[in-house]
N, C-alpha and C. Protein backbone atom coordinates (compact mmCIF):
# COMPACT_ATOMS: atom_id res chain seq x y z
N MET A 1 24.47 77.33 146.40
CA MET A 1 25.33 77.87 147.62
C MET A 1 24.62 78.60 148.63
N THR A 2 25.30 78.46 150.16
CA THR A 2 24.64 78.96 150.93
C THR A 2 25.56 79.81 151.57
N THR A 3 24.81 81.19 152.10
CA THR A 3 25.50 82.08 152.71
C THR A 3 25.35 82.22 154.37
N MET A 4 26.28 82.65 154.94
CA MET A 4 25.94 82.53 156.27
C MET A 4 25.46 83.88 156.58
N ALA A 5 24.76 83.73 157.83
CA ALA A 5 23.66 85.17 158.31
C ALA A 5 24.68 86.04 158.69
N GLY A 6 24.70 87.56 158.79
CA GLY A 6 25.45 88.55 159.16
C GLY A 6 25.11 88.49 160.83
N TYR A 7 23.74 88.57 161.21
CA TYR A 7 23.62 88.92 162.18
C TYR A 7 22.73 88.04 162.71
N LEU A 8 22.64 87.37 164.28
CA LEU A 8 21.87 86.63 164.97
C LEU A 8 21.44 87.37 165.97
N GLU A 9 19.97 87.02 166.23
CA GLU A 9 19.22 87.62 167.41
C GLU A 9 18.93 86.45 168.38
N ASN A 10 19.10 86.91 169.47
CA ASN A 10 18.53 86.19 170.62
C ASN A 10 17.34 86.48 171.22
N LYS A 11 16.41 85.65 170.98
CA LYS A 11 14.82 86.38 171.24
C LYS A 11 14.38 86.43 172.78
N SER A 12 15.20 85.54 173.55
CA SER A 12 15.00 85.85 175.10
C SER A 12 15.70 86.99 175.95
N ASP A 13 16.77 87.73 175.16
CA ASP A 13 16.87 89.23 175.90
C ASP A 13 16.79 90.42 174.73
N MET A 14 16.35 89.88 173.46
CA MET A 14 16.15 91.12 172.22
C MET A 14 17.07 91.73 172.09
N ILE A 15 18.49 90.92 171.80
CA ILE A 15 19.68 91.29 171.40
C ILE A 15 20.19 90.58 169.88
N VAL A 16 20.62 91.83 169.27
CA VAL A 16 21.34 91.28 168.06
C VAL A 16 22.50 91.53 168.12
N HIS A 17 23.44 90.21 167.40
CA HIS A 17 24.80 90.08 167.44
C HIS A 17 25.19 90.38 165.95
N HIS A 18 26.55 90.85 165.67
CA HIS A 18 27.17 90.93 164.30
C HIS A 18 28.18 89.67 164.14
N LEU A 19 28.04 88.69 163.40
CA LEU A 19 28.72 87.51 163.55
C LEU A 19 30.33 87.69 163.04
N ALA A 20 30.17 88.44 162.34
CA ALA A 20 31.45 88.96 161.61
C ALA A 20 32.52 89.63 162.51
N THR A 21 31.98 90.27 163.94
CA THR A 21 32.79 90.62 164.43
C THR A 21 32.42 90.43 166.09
N ILE A 22 32.36 88.92 166.06
CA ILE A 22 31.83 88.36 167.16
C ILE A 22 33.02 88.20 168.08
N ILE A 23 33.02 88.73 169.47
CA ILE A 23 34.07 88.08 170.27
C ILE A 23 34.19 87.07 171.15
N PRO A 24 35.23 86.44 171.47
CA PRO A 24 34.94 85.47 172.16
C PRO A 24 34.26 84.96 173.32
N ASN A 25 33.72 86.05 173.98
CA ASN A 25 33.00 85.73 175.42
C ASN A 25 31.70 86.62 175.21
N CYS A 26 31.42 86.59 173.97
CA CYS A 26 29.85 87.10 173.63
C CYS A 26 28.94 86.07 174.24
N GLU A 27 27.91 86.70 174.72
CA GLU A 27 26.81 86.14 175.02
C GLU A 27 25.93 85.43 174.35
N ILE A 28 25.83 85.56 172.87
CA ILE A 28 25.38 84.88 172.16
C ILE A 28 25.84 83.32 172.20
N TYR A 29 26.87 82.80 172.49
CA TYR A 29 27.39 81.86 172.75
C TYR A 29 26.41 80.73 173.97
N TYR A 30 26.00 81.47 174.77
CA TYR A 30 25.31 80.94 175.99
C TYR A 30 23.86 80.99 175.70
N ALA A 31 23.35 81.40 174.65
CA ALA A 31 22.03 81.63 174.40
C ALA A 31 21.44 80.16 173.74
N LYS A 32 20.14 79.70 174.29
CA LYS A 32 19.48 78.41 173.72
C LYS A 32 19.34 78.46 172.57
N LYS A 33 19.36 77.39 172.01
CA LYS A 33 19.23 77.25 170.33
C LYS A 33 18.03 77.79 170.00
N GLU A 34 16.91 77.46 170.77
CA GLU A 34 15.59 78.04 170.30
C GLU A 34 15.17 79.41 170.50
N ASP A 35 16.19 80.17 171.19
CA ASP A 35 15.98 81.42 171.36
C ASP A 35 16.74 82.61 170.16
N LYS A 36 17.68 81.58 169.39
CA LYS A 36 18.55 82.12 168.27
C LYS A 36 17.93 82.38 167.07
N THR A 37 17.61 83.50 166.22
CA THR A 37 17.15 83.61 165.04
C THR A 37 18.11 84.40 164.12
N CYS A 38 17.53 84.45 163.13
CA CYS A 38 17.88 85.44 161.90
C CYS A 38 16.86 86.06 161.49
N PHE A 39 17.10 87.32 161.10
CA PHE A 39 15.96 88.12 160.24
C PHE A 39 16.29 88.15 158.57
N VAL A 40 15.23 88.21 157.96
CA VAL A 40 15.62 88.34 156.32
C VAL A 40 14.72 89.63 155.80
N PRO A 41 15.12 90.49 155.37
CA PRO A 41 16.89 90.54 155.09
C PRO A 41 17.44 90.85 156.01
N ASP A 42 18.71 89.85 156.02
CA ASP A 42 19.68 90.01 156.95
C ASP A 42 20.61 91.45 157.22
N MET A 43 19.88 92.46 157.82
CA MET A 43 20.25 93.68 157.88
C MET A 43 20.02 94.09 159.40
N LEU A 44 21.19 94.90 160.08
CA LEU A 44 20.94 95.41 161.33
C LEU A 44 19.51 96.42 161.49
N GLU A 45 19.16 97.01 160.36
CA GLU A 45 18.13 97.92 160.31
C GLU A 45 17.02 97.15 160.59
N GLU A 46 16.64 96.00 160.05
CA GLU A 46 15.38 95.00 160.20
C GLU A 46 15.17 94.51 161.67
N ALA A 47 16.55 94.34 162.40
CA ALA A 47 16.44 93.88 163.54
C ALA A 47 16.12 95.09 164.66
N ILE A 48 16.49 96.02 164.25
CA ILE A 48 16.14 97.33 165.38
C ILE A 48 14.80 97.61 164.79
N LYS A 49 14.10 97.45 163.64
CA LYS A 49 12.93 97.50 163.35
C LYS A 49 11.76 96.77 164.22
N GLU A 50 12.52 95.50 164.41
CA GLU A 50 11.96 94.28 165.25
C GLU A 50 12.01 94.47 166.68
N LYS A 51 12.51 95.60 167.25
CA LYS A 51 12.72 95.83 168.43
C LYS A 51 13.92 95.02 169.12
N PHE A 52 14.98 94.59 168.13
CA PHE A 52 16.36 94.33 169.20
C PHE A 52 16.94 95.59 169.19
N THR A 53 17.99 95.27 170.32
CA THR A 53 18.92 96.07 170.52
C THR A 53 20.33 95.59 169.90
N PRO A 54 21.16 96.29 169.45
CA PRO A 54 22.52 95.71 168.98
C PRO A 54 23.61 95.58 170.45
N TYR A 55 24.23 94.51 170.32
CA TYR A 55 25.28 94.24 171.27
C TYR A 55 26.39 95.12 171.28
N LEU A 56 26.55 95.87 171.81
CA LEU A 56 27.59 97.13 172.11
C LEU A 56 28.83 96.40 171.58
N GLN A 57 29.15 95.13 172.09
CA GLN A 57 30.78 94.69 171.86
C GLN A 57 30.85 94.01 170.78
N CYS A 58 29.84 93.54 169.74
CA CYS A 58 30.13 93.16 168.47
C CYS A 58 29.14 94.06 167.41
N CYS A 59 28.67 95.11 167.52
CA CYS A 59 27.91 95.81 166.83
C CYS A 59 28.39 97.16 166.75
N LYS A 60 29.52 97.27 166.15
CA LYS A 60 29.90 98.73 166.44
C LYS A 60 29.87 99.52 165.13
């Protein structure tokens, strides 16, 4: 069984996006494929620890 990531990070701008609350015009749609990454464990705290900033439009 495959589970979907809850958070997706953009390495080029160091922003993390929450996929469950993503908005239609979210900037993650325009990120290059090679810039997108996920963290294990898939937690917002882990992304913040790695110096990513939550995207305020989808990480409320």
